[in-house]
């Protein structure tokens, strides 16, 4: 399943429902550049995410850190962690993504002892899965097997999937990662989500830096440090990028012209919107609109 229109809610929580017909999981292949934005934008979800790179290279950013993944590599992204993914060097990166509800990984009796501590750990936003490590190779193989089981749906495949999930989590536990719990890190993550939530709700309005800082209960300078740490950009640059992302959806609607779109996403000047759009997308909004119209009718 290729998620081309990546849906994110008001607090940047992904809205895609991660489940098969009967199980609270989703396993699908995605090509990063086929996404509406050309990349997977910053988001979070309650599900654990496991990724295996099948083609090309990807850059994943999880919380404050960036990692590069090559073919055969994988990554575990913890529940509730902000993350994004971009194709590295136009490699047409394709990966298998397994999202699974934490409560489904192990039985209810084992959840509190073996799963919940990993969700709460502040030093475990992600784990690189390298096939060179036997415990990680076990996880990567199990992800591929779950992908096969969902695709082919043989007899009793649901039971086989639950067995593979248990195998995945056991391999993660025996890897020996030491878990840490720092209240300050939890607070940072919460404040960052608050600021993203506020931008998402108010992007179409006139916004100044103080507004964003206030949403995170921070000073202007601390707000800038948070965005630099988490997103490697300033709050206002992030706001600009988000507005351009929102414009991509509106530009595909035939009832909106360029000026309509500009004002709906928070610009008070059509020419300024055109300039910023060209800077971000390497084309004008009109060219993008015409391109999408041709795509729909050919």
C-alpha atoms as a PDB file:
ATOM      1  CA  UNK A   1       0.000   0.000   0.000  1.00  0.00           C
ATOM      2  CA  UNK A   2       1.480   3.344  -1.022  1.00  0.00           C
ATOM      3  CA  UNK A   3       0.297   6.202   1.184  1.00  0.00           C
ATOM      4  CA  UNK A   4       0.491   9.108  -1.237  1.00  0.00           C
ATOM      5  CA  UNK A   5      -1.607  11.613   0.689  1.00  0.00           C
ATOM      6  CA  UNK A   6      -0.013  11.384   4.126  1.00  0.00           C
ATOM      7  CA  UNK A   7      -2.679  12.386   6.658  1.00  0.00           C
ATOM      8  CA  UNK A   8      -1.608  14.181   9.837  1.00  0.00           C
ATOM      9  CA  UNK A   9      -3.937  15.423  12.550  1.00  0.00           C
ATOM     10  CA  UNK A  10      -3.941  18.625  14.541  1.00  0.00           C
ATOM     11  CA  UNK A  11      -1.168  17.512  16.893  1.00  0.00           C
ATOM     12  CA  UNK A  12       0.944  16.029  14.070  1.00  0.00           C
ATOM     13  CA  UNK A  13      -0.273  12.537  14.934  1.00  0.00           C
ATOM     14  CA  UNK A  14      -0.578  10.426  11.798  1.00  0.00           C
ATOM     15  CA  UNK A  15      -4.215   9.666  10.989  1.00  0.00           C
ATOM     16  CA  UNK A  16      -3.580   6.606   8.812  1.00  0.00           C
ATOM     17  CA  UNK A  17      -5.234   3.573  10.404  1.00  0.00           C
ATOM     18  CA  UNK A  18      -2.536   0.977  10.947  1.00  0.00           C
ATOM     19  CA  UNK A  19      -4.318  -2.353  10.820  1.00  0.00           C
ATOM     20  CA  UNK A  20      -5.143  -5.279   8.586  1.00  0.00           C
ATOM     21  CA  UNK A  21      -8.701  -6.582   8.444  1.00  0.00           C
ATOM     22  CA  UNK A  22      -8.446  -8.391  11.779  1.00  0.00           C
ATOM     23  CA  UNK A  23      -5.112  -7.386  13.354  1.00  0.00           C
ATOM     24  CA  UNK A  24      -3.895  -4.025  14.759  1.00  0.00           C
ATOM     25  CA  UNK A  25      -0.912  -3.919  12.413  1.00  0.00           C
ATOM     26  CA  UNK A  26      -0.109  -2.623   8.934  1.00  0.00           C
ATOM     27  CA  UNK A  27       2.696  -3.759   6.676  1.00  0.00           C
ATOM     28  CA  UNK A  28       3.175  -2.007   3.361  1.00  0.00           C
ATOM     29  CA  UNK A  29       5.735  -0.935   0.794  1.00  0.00           C
ATOM     30  CA  UNK A  30       6.214   2.740   0.096  1.00  0.00           C
ATOM     31  CA  UNK A  31       8.321   4.758  -2.324  1.00  0.00           C
ATOM     32  CA  UNK A  32       9.217   7.957  -0.508  1.00  0.00           C
ATOM     33  CA  UNK A  33       9.152  10.299  -3.502  1.00  0.00           C
ATOM     34  CA  UNK A  34       5.653   9.162  -4.516  1.00  0.00           C
ATOM     35  CA  UNK A  35       4.276  10.846  -1.420  1.00  0.00           C
ATOM     36  CA  UNK A  36       2.287  14.014  -2.073  1.00  0.00           C
ATOM     37  CA  UNK A  37       5.002  16.099  -0.407  1.00  0.00           C
ATOM     38  CA  UNK A  38       7.883  14.232  -2.088  1.00  0.00           C
ATOM     39  CA  UNK A  39       8.897  12.978   1.352  1.00  0.00           C
ATOM     40  CA  UNK A  40       7.285  11.633   4.545  1.00  0.00           C
ATOM     41  CA  UNK A  41       6.690  14.751   6.694  1.00  0.00           C
ATOM     42  CA  UNK A  42       7.287  15.032  10.426  1.00  0.00           C
ATOM     43  CA  UNK A  43       4.664  13.052  12.363  1.00  0.00           C
ATOM     44  CA  UNK A  44       4.201  10.575  15.187  1.00  0.00           C
ATOM     45  CA  UNK A  45       1.927   7.682  16.035  1.00  0.00           C
ATOM     46  CA  UNK A  46       1.257   5.389  18.954  1.00  0.00           C
ATOM     47  CA  UNK A  47       2.320   2.297  16.997  1.00  0.00           C
ATOM     48  CA  UNK A  48       5.848   0.928  16.959  1.00  0.00           C
ATOM     49  CA  UNK A  49       7.382   1.228  13.500  1.00  0.00           C
ATOM     50  CA  UNK A  50       9.837  -1.188  11.921  1.00  0.00           C
ATOM     51  CA  UNK A  51      11.371  -0.357   8.535  1.00  0.00           C
ATOM     52  CA  UNK A  52      13.443  -2.385   6.056  1.00  0.00           C
ATOM     53  CA  UNK A  53      15.045  -0.559   3.109  1.00  0.00           C
ATOM     54  CA  UNK A  54      14.448  -2.557  -0.081  1.00  0.00           C
ATOM     55  CA  UNK A  55      15.841  -0.118  -2.661  1.00  0.00           C
ATOM     56  CA  UNK A  56      17.943   3.051  -2.640  1.00  0.00           C
ATOM     57  CA  UNK A  57      18.900   5.065   0.421  1.00  0.00           C
ATOM     58  CA  UNK A  58      16.847   7.029   2.956  1.00  0.00           C
ATOM     59  CA  UNK A  59      17.456   9.738   5.512  1.00  0.00           C
ATOM     60  CA  UNK A  60      15.327   9.294   8.627  1.00  0.00           C
ATOM     61  CA  UNK A  61      15.094  11.954  11.271  1.00  0.00           C
ATOM     62  CA  UNK A  62      13.855  10.751  14.644  1.00  0.00           C
ATOM     63  CA  UNK A  63      13.364  13.414  17.297  1.00  0.00           C
ATOM     64  CA  UNK A  64      16.658  15.358  17.176  1.00  0.00           C
ATOM     65  CA  UNK A  65      18.827  12.902  15.231  1.00  0.00           C
ATOM     66  CA  UNK A  66      19.302  11.996  11.580  1.00  0.00           C
ATOM     67  CA  UNK A  67      20.390   8.585  10.312  1.00  0.00           C
ATOM     68  CA  UNK A  68      21.139   7.303   6.818  1.00  0.00           C
ATOM     69  CA  UNK A  69      19.901   3.860   5.837  1.00  0.00           C
ATOM     70  CA  UNK A  70      21.064   1.788   2.856  1.00  0.00           C
ATOM     71  CA  UNK A  71      19.563  -1.267   1.168  1.00  0.00           C
ATOM     72  CA  UNK A  72      19.202  -4.077   3.704  1.00  0.00           C
ATOM     73  CA  UNK A  73      19.292  -1.726   6.670  1.00  0.00           C
ATOM     74  CA  UNK A  74      16.365  -1.295   9.001  1.00  0.00           C
ATOM     75  CA  UNK A  75      15.209   0.841  11.881  1.00  0.00           C
ATOM     76  CA  UNK A  76      12.893   0.573  14.883  1.00  0.00           C
ATOM     77  CA  UNK A  77      11.067   3.817  15.772  1.00  0.00           C
ATOM     78  CA  UNK A  78       9.514   3.918  19.202  1.00  0.00           C
ATOM     79  CA  UNK A  79       5.916   4.796  20.013  1.00  0.00           C
ATOM     80  CA  UNK A  80       5.191   8.524  20.201  1.00  0.00           C
ATOM     81  CA  UNK A  81       8.469   9.679  18.644  1.00  0.00           C
ATOM     82  CA  UNK A  82       8.461  12.448  16.041  1.00  0.00           C
ATOM     83  CA  UNK A  83      10.037  11.316  12.772  1.00  0.00           C
ATOM     84  CA  UNK A  84      10.272  12.016   9.041  1.00  0.00           C
ATOM     85  CA  UNK A  85      11.840  10.279   6.032  1.00  0.00           C
ATOM     86  CA  UNK A  86      13.425  11.596   2.849  1.00  0.00           C
ATOM     87  CA  UNK A  87      14.874   9.927  -0.220  1.00  0.00           C
ATOM     88  CA  UNK A  88      18.655  10.323  -0.231  1.00  0.00           C
ATOM     89  CA  UNK A  89      20.153  11.615  -3.486  1.00  0.00           C
ATOM     90  CA  UNK A  90      17.106  10.783  -5.681  1.00  0.00           C
ATOM     91  CA  UNK A  91      17.672   7.054  -5.170  1.00  0.00           C
ATOM     92  CA  UNK A  92      13.964   6.154  -5.579  1.00  0.00           C
ATOM     93  CA  UNK A  93      14.092   4.669  -2.111  1.00  0.00           C
ATOM     94  CA  UNK A  94      11.521   1.979  -1.397  1.00  0.00           C
ATOM     95  CA  UNK A  95      10.980   0.379   1.963  1.00  0.00           C
ATOM     96  CA  UNK A  96       8.760  -2.056   3.822  1.00  0.00           C
ATOM     97  CA  UNK A  97       7.105  -0.471   6.834  1.00  0.00           C
ATOM     98  CA  UNK A  98       5.559  -2.475   9.667  1.00  0.00           C
ATOM     99  CA  UNK A  99       3.427  -0.541  12.151  1.00  0.00           C
ATOM    100  CA  UNK A 100       2.094  -2.448  15.131  1.00  0.00           C
ATOM    101  CA  UNK A 101       0.129  -1.483  18.204  1.00  0.00           C
ATOM    102  CA  UNK A 102       2.333  -1.885  21.310  1.00  0.00           C
ATOM    103  CA  UNK A 103      -0.462  -3.722  23.101  1.00  0.00           C
ATOM    104  CA  UNK A 104      -0.448  -6.390  20.374  1.00  0.00           C
ATOM    105  CA  UNK A 105       3.269  -7.221  20.502  1.00  0.00           C
ATOM    106  CA  UNK A 106       2.966  -9.448  23.567  1.00  0.00           C
ATOM    107  CA  UNK A 107       0.121 -10.731  25.708  1.00  0.00           C
ATOM    108  CA  UNK A 108      -1.482  -8.425  28.260  1.00  0.00           C
ATOM    109  CA  UNK A 109       0.197 -10.334  31.082  1.00  0.00           C
ATOM    110  CA  UNK A 110       3.666  -9.656  29.618  1.00  0.00           C
ATOM    111  CA  UNK A 111       3.082  -6.105  28.347  1.00  0.00           C
ATOM    112  CA  UNK A 112       3.855  -4.293  31.625  1.00  0.00           C
ATOM    113  CA  UNK A 113       7.138  -6.157  32.155  1.00  0.00           C
ATOM    114  CA  UNK A 114       8.569  -6.434  28.655  1.00  0.00           C
ATOM    115  CA  UNK A 115       6.959  -3.735  26.458  1.00  0.00           C
ATOM    116  CA  UNK A 116       5.897  -0.725  28.527  1.00  0.00           C
ATOM    117  CA  UNK A 117       9.428  -0.001  29.850  1.00  0.00           C
ATOM    118  CA  UNK A 118      10.608   0.412  26.234  1.00  0.00           C
ATOM    119  CA  UNK A 119       7.817   2.880  25.418  1.00  0.00           C
ATOM    120  CA  UNK A 120       8.704   5.027  28.440  1.00  0.00           C
ATOM    121  CA  UNK A 121      12.480   4.950  27.942  1.00  0.00           C
ATOM    122  CA  UNK A 122      13.775   8.406  26.970  1.00  0.00           C
ATOM    123  CA  UNK A 123      17.004   7.086  25.419  1.00  0.00           C
ATOM    124  CA  UNK A 124      15.279   4.767  22.961  1.00  0.00           C
ATOM    125  CA  UNK A 125      13.582   6.872  20.303  1.00  0.00           C
ATOM    126  CA  UNK A 126      15.033   4.554  17.629  1.00  0.00           C
ATOM    127  CA  UNK A 127      17.341   1.575  17.097  1.00  0.00           C
ATOM    128  CA  UNK A 128      19.295   0.905  13.908  1.00  0.00           C
ATOM    129  CA  UNK A 129      18.779  -2.648  12.661  1.00  0.00           C
ATOM    130  CA  UNK A 130      21.904  -3.934  10.944  1.00  0.00           C
ATOM    131  CA  UNK A 131      21.908  -7.348   9.304  1.00  0.00           C
ATOM    132  CA  UNK A 132      25.454  -7.761  10.639  1.00  0.00           C
ATOM    133  CA  UNK A 133      24.013  -8.198  14.138  1.00  0.00           C
ATOM    134  CA  UNK A 134      22.293 -11.553  14.620  1.00  0.00           C
ATOM    135  CA  UNK A 135      19.499 -10.171  16.854  1.00  0.00           C
ATOM    136  CA  UNK A 136      18.766  -7.404  14.296  1.00  0.00           C
ATOM    137  CA  UNK A 137      18.919  -9.871  11.382  1.00  0.00           C
ATOM    138  CA  UNK A 138      16.232 -11.895  13.165  1.00  0.00           C
ATOM    139  CA  UNK A 139      14.009  -8.809  13.299  1.00  0.00           C
ATOM    140  CA  UNK A 140      14.588  -7.895   9.640  1.00  0.00           C
ATOM    141  CA  UNK A 141      13.798 -11.460   8.522  1.00  0.00           C
ATOM    142  CA  UNK A 142      10.620 -11.486  10.628  1.00  0.00           C
ATOM    143  CA  UNK A 143       9.429  -8.198   9.064  1.00  0.00           C
ATOM    144  CA  UNK A 144       9.878  -9.667   5.589  1.00  0.00           C
ATOM    145  CA  UNK A 145       7.997 -12.789   6.650  1.00  0.00           C
ATOM    146  CA  UNK A 146       5.087 -10.726   8.011  1.00  0.00           C
ATOM    147  CA  UNK A 147       4.982  -8.827   4.710  1.00  0.00           C
ATOM    148  CA  UNK A 148       4.777 -12.175   2.871  1.00  0.00           C
ATOM    149  CA  UNK A 149       2.092 -13.524   5.184  1.00  0.00           C
ATOM    150  CA  UNK A 150      -0.140 -10.483   4.756  1.00  0.00           C
ATOM    151  CA  UNK A 151       0.354 -10.513   0.994  1.00  0.00           C
ATOM    152  CA  UNK A 152      -0.366 -14.220   0.520  1.00  0.00           C
ATOM    153  CA  UNK A 153      -2.751 -14.785   3.470  1.00  0.00           C
ATOM    154  CA  UNK A 154      -2.160 -18.550   3.805  1.00  0.00           C
ATOM    155  CA  UNK A 155      -4.129 -20.665   6.264  1.00  0.00           C
ATOM    156  CA  UNK A 156      -3.679 -19.541   9.871  1.00  0.00           C
ATOM    157  CA  UNK A 157      -1.547 -16.580   8.751  1.00  0.00           C
ATOM    158  CA  UNK A 158      -2.858 -14.423  11.613  1.00  0.00           C
ATOM    159  CA  UNK A 159      -1.397 -16.867  14.140  1.00  0.00           C
ATOM    160  CA  UNK A 160       1.886 -16.964  12.220  1.00  0.00           C
ATOM    161  CA  UNK A 161       2.028 -13.146  12.330  1.00  0.00           C
ATOM    162  CA  UNK A 162       1.612 -13.096  16.104  1.00  0.00           C
ATOM    163  CA  UNK A 163       4.436 -15.636  16.393  1.00  0.00           C
ATOM    164  CA  UNK A 164       6.692 -13.426  14.246  1.00  0.00           C
ATOM    165  CA  UNK A 165       5.856 -10.376  16.383  1.00  0.00           C
ATOM    166  CA  UNK A 166       6.822 -12.266  19.525  1.00  0.00           C
ATOM    167  CA  UNK A 167      10.068 -13.255  17.794  1.00  0.00           C
ATOM    168  CA  UNK A 168      10.729  -9.617  16.869  1.00  0.00           C
ATOM    169  CA  UNK A 169      10.193  -8.350  20.394  1.00  0.00           C
ATOM    170  CA  UNK A 170      12.247 -11.100  21.990  1.00  0.00           C
ATOM    171  CA  UNK A 171      15.123 -10.243  19.650  1.00  0.00           C
ATOM    172  CA  UNK A 172      14.823  -6.577  20.649  1.00  0.00           C
ATOM    173  CA  UNK A 173      14.860  -7.415  24.359  1.00  0.00           C
ATOM    174  CA  UNK A 174      17.883  -9.736  24.150  1.00  0.00           C
ATOM    175  CA  UNK A 175      19.831  -7.036  22.278  1.00  0.00           C
ATOM    176  CA  UNK A 176      20.642  -5.675  25.725  1.00  0.00           C
ATOM    177  CA  UNK A 177      19.836  -1.969  25.346  1.00  0.00           C
ATOM    178  CA  UNK A 178      20.015  -0.190  28.694  1.00  0.00           C
ATOM    179  CA  UNK A 179      16.855   1.818  29.300  1.00  0.00           C
ATOM    180  CA  UNK A 180      16.931   5.325  30.795  1.00  0.00           C
ATOM    181  CA  UNK A 181      14.122   7.562  32.044  1.00  0.00           C
ATOM    182  CA  UNK A 182      14.736  11.327  32.145  1.00  0.00           C
ATOM    183  CA  UNK A 183      11.849  13.637  32.974  1.00  0.00           C
ATOM    184  CA  UNK A 184      13.548  16.566  31.224  1.00  0.00           C
ATOM    185  CA  UNK A 185      13.609  14.674  27.909  1.00  0.00           C
ATOM    186  CA  UNK A 186       9.927  13.788  28.271  1.00  0.00           C
ATOM    187  CA  UNK A 187       9.135  17.481  28.836  1.00  0.00           C
ATOM    188  CA  UNK A 188      11.138  18.524  25.743  1.00  0.00           C
ATOM    189  CA  UNK A 189       9.230  16.083  23.559  1.00  0.00           C
ATOM    190  CA  UNK A 190       5.908  17.301  24.975  1.00  0.00           C
ATOM    191  CA  UNK A 191       6.755  20.969  24.372  1.00  0.00           C
ATOM    192  CA  UNK A 192       7.879  20.299  20.807  1.00  0.00           C
ATOM    193  CA  UNK A 193       4.587  18.555  20.052  1.00  0.00           C
ATOM    194  CA  UNK A 194       2.692  21.494  21.602  1.00  0.00           C
ATOM    195  CA  UNK A 195       4.428  23.959  19.272  1.00  0.00           C
ATOM    196  CA  UNK A 196       3.827  21.810  16.199  1.00  0.00           C
ATOM    197  CA  UNK A 197       0.207  21.420  17.273  1.00  0.00           C
ATOM    198  CA  UNK A 198      -0.176  25.189  17.526  1.00  0.00           C
ATOM    199  CA  UNK A 199       1.391  25.797  14.087  1.00  0.00           C
ATOM    200  CA  UNK A 200      -0.893  23.183  12.569  1.00  0.00           C
ATOM    201  CA  UNK A 201      -3.964  24.913  13.999  1.00  0.00           C
ATOM    202  CA  UNK A 202      -2.944  28.497  13.169  1.00  0.00           C
ATOM    203  CA  UNK A 203      -0.753  28.298  10.034  1.00  0.00           C
ATOM    204  CA  UNK A 204      -3.278  30.292   7.979  1.00  0.00           C
ATOM    205  CA  UNK A 205      -3.117  33.220  10.409  1.00  0.00           C
ATOM    206  CA  UNK A 206      -0.498  35.931  10.856  1.00  0.00           C
ATOM    207  CA  UNK A 207       2.146  34.315  13.051  1.00  0.00           C
ATOM    208  CA  UNK A 208       5.189  35.736  14.800  1.00  0.00           C
ATOM    209  CA  UNK A 209       7.916  33.889  16.689  1.00  0.00           C
ATOM    210  CA  UNK A 210       6.480  34.848  20.073  1.00  0.00           C
ATOM    211  CA  UNK A 211       3.245  33.013  19.232  1.00  0.00           C
ATOM    212  CA  UNK A 212       5.044  29.722  18.622  1.00  0.00           C
ATOM    213  CA  UNK A 213       7.263  30.138  21.697  1.00  0.00           C
ATOM    214  CA  UNK A 214       4.247  30.829  23.884  1.00  0.00           C
ATOM    215  CA  UNK A 215       2.612  27.574  22.728  1.00  0.00           C
ATOM    216  CA  UNK A 216       5.598  25.658  24.117  1.00  0.00           C
ATOM    217  CA  UNK A 217       5.888  27.846  27.216  1.00  0.00           C
ATOM    218  CA  UNK A 218       9.344  28.918  26.102  1.00  0.00           C
ATOM    219  CA  UNK A 219      11.272  32.098  25.442  1.00  0.00           C
ATOM    220  CA  UNK A 220      11.967  33.089  21.837  1.00  0.00           C
ATOM    221  CA  UNK A 221      15.573  31.925  22.065  1.00  0.00           C
ATOM    222  CA  UNK A 222      14.625  28.586  23.662  1.00  0.00           C
ATOM    223  CA  UNK A 223      11.945  28.059  21.017  1.00  0.00           C
ATOM    224  CA  UNK A 224      14.557  28.533  18.282  1.00  0.00           C
ATOM    225  CA  UNK A 225      16.895  26.103  20.025  1.00  0.00           C
ATOM    226  CA  UNK A 226      14.137  23.479  20.198  1.00  0.00           C
ATOM    227  CA  UNK A 227      13.404  23.738  16.471  1.00  0.00           C
ATOM    228  CA  UNK A 228      17.100  23.705  15.617  1.00  0.00           C
ATOM    229  CA  UNK A 229      17.600  20.639  17.795  1.00  0.00           C
ATOM    230  CA  UNK A 230      14.567  18.681  16.588  1.00  0.00           C
ATOM    231  CA  UNK A 231      14.078  19.891  13.004  1.00  0.00           C
ATOM    232  CA  UNK A 232      17.427  21.485  12.063  1.00  0.00           C
ATOM    233  CA  UNK A 233      15.672  24.720  11.043  1.00  0.00           C
ATOM    234  CA  UNK A 234      14.136  27.848  12.519  1.00  0.00           C
ATOM    235  CA  UNK A 235      10.477  27.979  13.634  1.00  0.00           C
ATOM    236  CA  UNK A 236       9.611  30.460  10.867  1.00  0.00           C
ATOM    237  CA  UNK A 237      11.343  28.359   8.202  1.00  0.00           C
ATOM    238  CA  UNK A 238       9.373  25.365   9.389  1.00  0.00           C
ATOM    239  CA  UNK A 239       6.149  27.366   9.242  1.00  0.00           C
ATOM    240  CA  UNK A 240       6.971  28.392   5.676  1.00  0.00           C
ATOM    241  CA  UNK A 241       7.618  24.795   4.633  1.00  0.00           C
ATOM    242  CA  UNK A 242       4.397  23.642   6.260  1.00  0.00           C
ATOM    243  CA  UNK A 243       2.385  26.310   4.430  1.00  0.00           C
ATOM    244  CA  UNK A 244       3.903  25.207   1.127  1.00  0.00           C
ATOM    245  CA  UNK A 245       2.986  21.591   1.937  1.00  0.00           C
ATOM    246  CA  UNK A 246      -0.606  22.631   2.578  1.00  0.00           C
ATOM    247  CA  UNK A 247      -0.671  24.550  -0.714  1.00  0.00           C
ATOM    248  CA  UNK A 248       0.113  21.367  -2.665  1.00  0.00           C
ATOM    249  CA  UNK A 249      -3.269  19.926  -1.728  1.00  0.00           C
ATOM    250  CA  UNK A 250      -5.182  23.128  -2.506  1.00  0.00           C
ATOM    251  CA  UNK A 251      -3.439  23.659  -5.853  1.00  0.00           C
ATOM    252  CA  UNK A 252      -4.844  20.343  -7.043  1.00  0.00           C
ATOM    253  CA  UNK A 253      -8.383  21.622  -6.530  1.00  0.00           C
ATOM    254  CA  UNK A 254      -9.698  23.180  -9.776  1.00  0.00           C
ATOM    255  CA  UNK A 255     -11.911  25.681  -7.933  1.00  0.00           C
ATOM    256  CA  UNK A 256      -8.932  27.508  -6.367  1.00  0.00           C
ATOM    257  CA  UNK A 257      -6.663  29.910  -8.263  1.00  0.00           C
ATOM    258  CA  UNK A 258      -3.166  30.898  -7.103  1.00  0.00           C
ATOM    259  CA  UNK A 259      -4.357  33.924  -5.135  1.00  0.00           C
ATOM    260  CA  UNK A 260      -7.047  31.872  -3.383  1.00  0.00           C
ATOM    261  CA  UNK A 261      -4.449  29.345  -2.288  1.00  0.00           C
ATOM    262  CA  UNK A 262      -1.983  32.008  -1.144  1.00  0.00           C
ATOM    263  CA  UNK A 263      -4.468  33.643   1.196  1.00  0.00           C
ATOM    264  CA  UNK A 264      -5.838  30.340   2.508  1.00  0.00           C
ATOM    265  CA  UNK A 265      -2.421  29.236   3.734  1.00  0.00           C
ATOM    266  CA  UNK A 266      -1.447  32.491   5.433  1.00  0.00           C
ATOM    267  CA  UNK A 267       0.224  34.643   2.757  1.00  0.00           C
ATOM    268  CA  UNK A 268      -0.977  38.228   2.335  1.00  0.00           C
ATOM    269  CA  UNK A 269       0.865  38.609  -0.973  1.00  0.00           C
ATOM    270  CA  UNK A 270       0.436  36.382  -4.027  1.00  0.00           C
ATOM    271  CA  UNK A 271       3.840  37.362  -5.399  1.00  0.00           C
ATOM    272  CA  UNK A 272       5.539  36.441  -2.120  1.00  0.00           C
ATOM    273  CA  UNK A 273       3.776  33.061  -2.142  1.00  0.00           C
ATOM    274  CA  UNK A 274       4.923  32.446  -5.723  1.00  0.00           C
ATOM    275  CA  UNK A 275       8.509  33.291  -4.792  1.00  0.00           C
ATOM    276  CA  UNK A 276       8.536  31.026  -1.746  1.00  0.00           C
ATOM    277  CA  UNK A 277       6.836  28.203  -3.651  1.00  0.00           C
ATOM    278  CA  UNK A 278       9.408  28.416  -6.459  1.00  0.00           C
ATOM    279  CA  UNK A 279      12.219  28.387  -3.892  1.00  0.00           C
ATOM    280  CA  UNK A 280      10.818  25.241  -2.282  1.00  0.00           C
ATOM    281  CA  UNK A 281       9.501  23.322  -5.303  1.00  0.00           C
ATOM    282  CA  UNK A 282      11.710  24.591  -8.162  1.00  0.00           C
ATOM    283  CA  UNK A 283       8.611  25.594 -10.114  1.00  0.00           C
ATOM    284  CA  UNK A 284       5.814  28.124  -9.859  1.00  0.00           C
ATOM    285  CA  UNK A 285       2.452  27.278  -8.265  1.00  0.00           C
ATOM    286  CA  UNK A 286       0.808  27.637 -11.691  1.00  0.00           C
ATOM    287  CA  UNK A 287       3.234  25.167 -13.253  1.00  0.00           C
ATOM    288  CA  UNK A 288       2.555  22.731 -10.410  1.00  0.00           C
ATOM    289  CA  UNK A 289      -1.199  23.143 -10.851  1.00  0.00           C
ATOM    290  CA  UNK A 290      -0.961  22.498 -14.605  1.00  0.00           C
ATOM    291  CA  UNK A 291       1.313  19.505 -14.040  1.00  0.00           C
ATOM    292  CA  UNK A 292      -1.159  17.874 -11.654  1.00  0.00           C
ATOM    293  CA  UNK A 293      -4.057  18.593 -14.008  1.00  0.00           C
ATOM    294  CA  UNK A 294      -2.225  16.816 -16.826  1.00  0.00           C
ATOM    295  CA  UNK A 295      -1.467  13.889 -14.498  1.00  0.00           C
ATOM    296  CA  UNK A 296      -5.127  13.473 -13.586  1.00  0.00           C
ATOM    297  CA  UNK A 297      -6.383  13.520 -17.180  1.00  0.00           C
ATOM    298  CA  UNK A 298      -3.748  11.364 -18.903  1.00  0.00           C
END
